């Protein structure tokens, strides 16, 4: 399971990865990719919440571990 968050807007997009509260700014027309690792149970999923100035993403399984990568494939978290 991987998750790509693309910013189709003309302004930067703030993405907050919970429960760690890590903040990632996605440039206009760019994306980040979230890749969970470790023990990922069947039925695991992410929850998104869209707010006016940012979005939050929360992995919804116990013991969740998530790496964040830039659009160039570089680990940024």
C-alpha atoms as a PDB file:
ATOM      1  CA  UNK A   1       0.000   0.000   0.000  1.00  0.00           C
ATOM      2  CA  UNK A   2       1.356   3.395  -0.997  1.00  0.00           C
ATOM      3  CA  UNK A   3      -0.258   6.783  -0.999  1.00  0.00           C
ATOM      4  CA  UNK A   4       0.564   9.698  -3.302  1.00  0.00           C
ATOM      5  CA  UNK A   5      -0.579  13.199  -2.386  1.00  0.00           C
ATOM      6  CA  UNK A   6      -0.434  15.592  -5.326  1.00  0.00           C
ATOM      7  CA  UNK A   7      -0.828  19.340  -5.097  1.00  0.00           C
ATOM      8  CA  UNK A   8      -2.723  20.556  -8.166  1.00  0.00           C
ATOM      9  CA  UNK A   9      -3.014  24.085  -6.761  1.00  0.00           C
ATOM     10  CA  UNK A  10      -0.979  27.208  -7.472  1.00  0.00           C
ATOM     11  CA  UNK A  11      -0.002  27.566  -3.805  1.00  0.00           C
ATOM     12  CA  UNK A  12       1.990  25.227  -1.531  1.00  0.00           C
ATOM     13  CA  UNK A  13      -0.014  22.559   0.315  1.00  0.00           C
ATOM     14  CA  UNK A  14       0.692  21.681   3.943  1.00  0.00           C
ATOM     15  CA  UNK A  15       0.320  17.969   4.731  1.00  0.00           C
ATOM     16  CA  UNK A  16       0.439  16.912   8.378  1.00  0.00           C
ATOM     17  CA  UNK A  17       1.170  13.262   9.095  1.00  0.00           C
ATOM     18  CA  UNK A  18      -0.439  12.150  12.343  1.00  0.00           C
ATOM     19  CA  UNK A  19      -0.035  10.987  15.044  1.00  0.00           C
ATOM     20  CA  UNK A  20       3.529  12.365  14.830  1.00  0.00           C
ATOM     21  CA  UNK A  21       2.456  15.866  13.692  1.00  0.00           C
ATOM     22  CA  UNK A  22       5.224  15.937  11.064  1.00  0.00           C
ATOM     23  CA  UNK A  23       4.653  18.693   8.538  1.00  0.00           C
ATOM     24  CA  UNK A  24       5.438  18.418   4.831  1.00  0.00           C
ATOM     25  CA  UNK A  25       4.993  21.245   2.355  1.00  0.00           C
ATOM     26  CA  UNK A  26       4.127  20.085  -1.160  1.00  0.00           C
ATOM     27  CA  UNK A  27       5.028  22.606  -3.850  1.00  0.00           C
ATOM     28  CA  UNK A  28       2.490  23.490  -6.544  1.00  0.00           C
ATOM     29  CA  UNK A  29       2.163  20.737  -9.174  1.00  0.00           C
ATOM     30  CA  UNK A  30       4.381  18.410  -7.094  1.00  0.00           C
ATOM     31  CA  UNK A  31       3.671  15.400  -4.877  1.00  0.00           C
ATOM     32  CA  UNK A  32       4.877  13.386  -1.915  1.00  0.00           C
ATOM     33  CA  UNK A  33       4.506   9.661  -1.450  1.00  0.00           C
ATOM     34  CA  UNK A  34       3.727   7.869   1.821  1.00  0.00           C
ATOM     35  CA  UNK A  35       4.941   4.301   2.122  1.00  0.00           C
ATOM     36  CA  UNK A  36       4.046   2.316   5.213  1.00  0.00           C
ATOM     37  CA  UNK A  37       6.485  -0.343   6.369  1.00  0.00           C
ATOM     38  CA  UNK A  38       6.700  -3.006   9.042  1.00  0.00           C
ATOM     39  CA  UNK A  39       3.681  -5.029  10.091  1.00  0.00           C
ATOM     40  CA  UNK A  40       0.758  -3.774   7.998  1.00  0.00           C
ATOM     41  CA  UNK A  41      -2.386  -5.720   8.883  1.00  0.00           C
ATOM     42  CA  UNK A  42      -5.110  -6.620   6.410  1.00  0.00           C
ATOM     43  CA  UNK A  43      -7.677  -3.878   6.313  1.00  0.00           C
ATOM     44  CA  UNK A  44      -5.181  -1.118   7.191  1.00  0.00           C
ATOM     45  CA  UNK A  45      -6.098   2.279   5.766  1.00  0.00           C
ATOM     46  CA  UNK A  46      -5.319   6.001   5.909  1.00  0.00           C
ATOM     47  CA  UNK A  47      -7.784   8.679   6.986  1.00  0.00           C
ATOM     48  CA  UNK A  48      -7.690  12.108   5.304  1.00  0.00           C
ATOM     49  CA  UNK A  49      -9.059  15.306   6.748  1.00  0.00           C
ATOM     50  CA  UNK A  50      -9.249  18.370   4.525  1.00  0.00           C
ATOM     51  CA  UNK A  51      -9.041  21.711   6.295  1.00  0.00           C
ATOM     52  CA  UNK A  52      -9.044  25.121   4.634  1.00  0.00           C
ATOM     53  CA  UNK A  53      -5.265  25.592   4.944  1.00  0.00           C
ATOM     54  CA  UNK A  54      -3.920  22.025   5.197  1.00  0.00           C
ATOM     55  CA  UNK A  55      -4.734  18.316   5.164  1.00  0.00           C
ATOM     56  CA  UNK A  56      -4.019  15.689   7.757  1.00  0.00           C
ATOM     57  CA  UNK A  57      -3.255  12.059   6.992  1.00  0.00           C
ATOM     58  CA  UNK A  58      -3.493   9.421   9.712  1.00  0.00           C
ATOM     59  CA  UNK A  59      -2.576   5.741   9.346  1.00  0.00           C
ATOM     60  CA  UNK A  60      -5.348   3.779  11.037  1.00  0.00           C
ATOM     61  CA  UNK A  61      -3.610   0.707  12.447  1.00  0.00           C
ATOM     62  CA  UNK A  62      -1.709  -0.029  15.652  1.00  0.00           C
ATOM     63  CA  UNK A  63       2.043   0.297  15.375  1.00  0.00           C
ATOM     64  CA  UNK A  64       1.900   2.167  12.070  1.00  0.00           C
ATOM     65  CA  UNK A  65       5.238   3.208  10.571  1.00  0.00           C
ATOM     66  CA  UNK A  66       5.339   5.485   7.522  1.00  0.00           C
ATOM     67  CA  UNK A  67       8.179   6.871   5.404  1.00  0.00           C
ATOM     68  CA  UNK A  68       7.607  10.008   3.332  1.00  0.00           C
ATOM     69  CA  UNK A  69       9.339  10.439  -0.037  1.00  0.00           C
ATOM     70  CA  UNK A  70       9.678  13.421  -2.358  1.00  0.00           C
ATOM     71  CA  UNK A  71       8.654  13.232  -5.999  1.00  0.00           C
ATOM     72  CA  UNK A  72      12.318  12.521  -6.807  1.00  0.00           C
ATOM     73  CA  UNK A  73      12.244   9.421  -4.609  1.00  0.00           C
ATOM     74  CA  UNK A  74      14.314  10.921  -1.772  1.00  0.00           C
ATOM     75  CA  UNK A  75      13.347   9.918   1.773  1.00  0.00           C
ATOM     76  CA  UNK A  76      12.269  13.107   3.544  1.00  0.00           C
ATOM     77  CA  UNK A  77      10.972  11.706   6.807  1.00  0.00           C
END
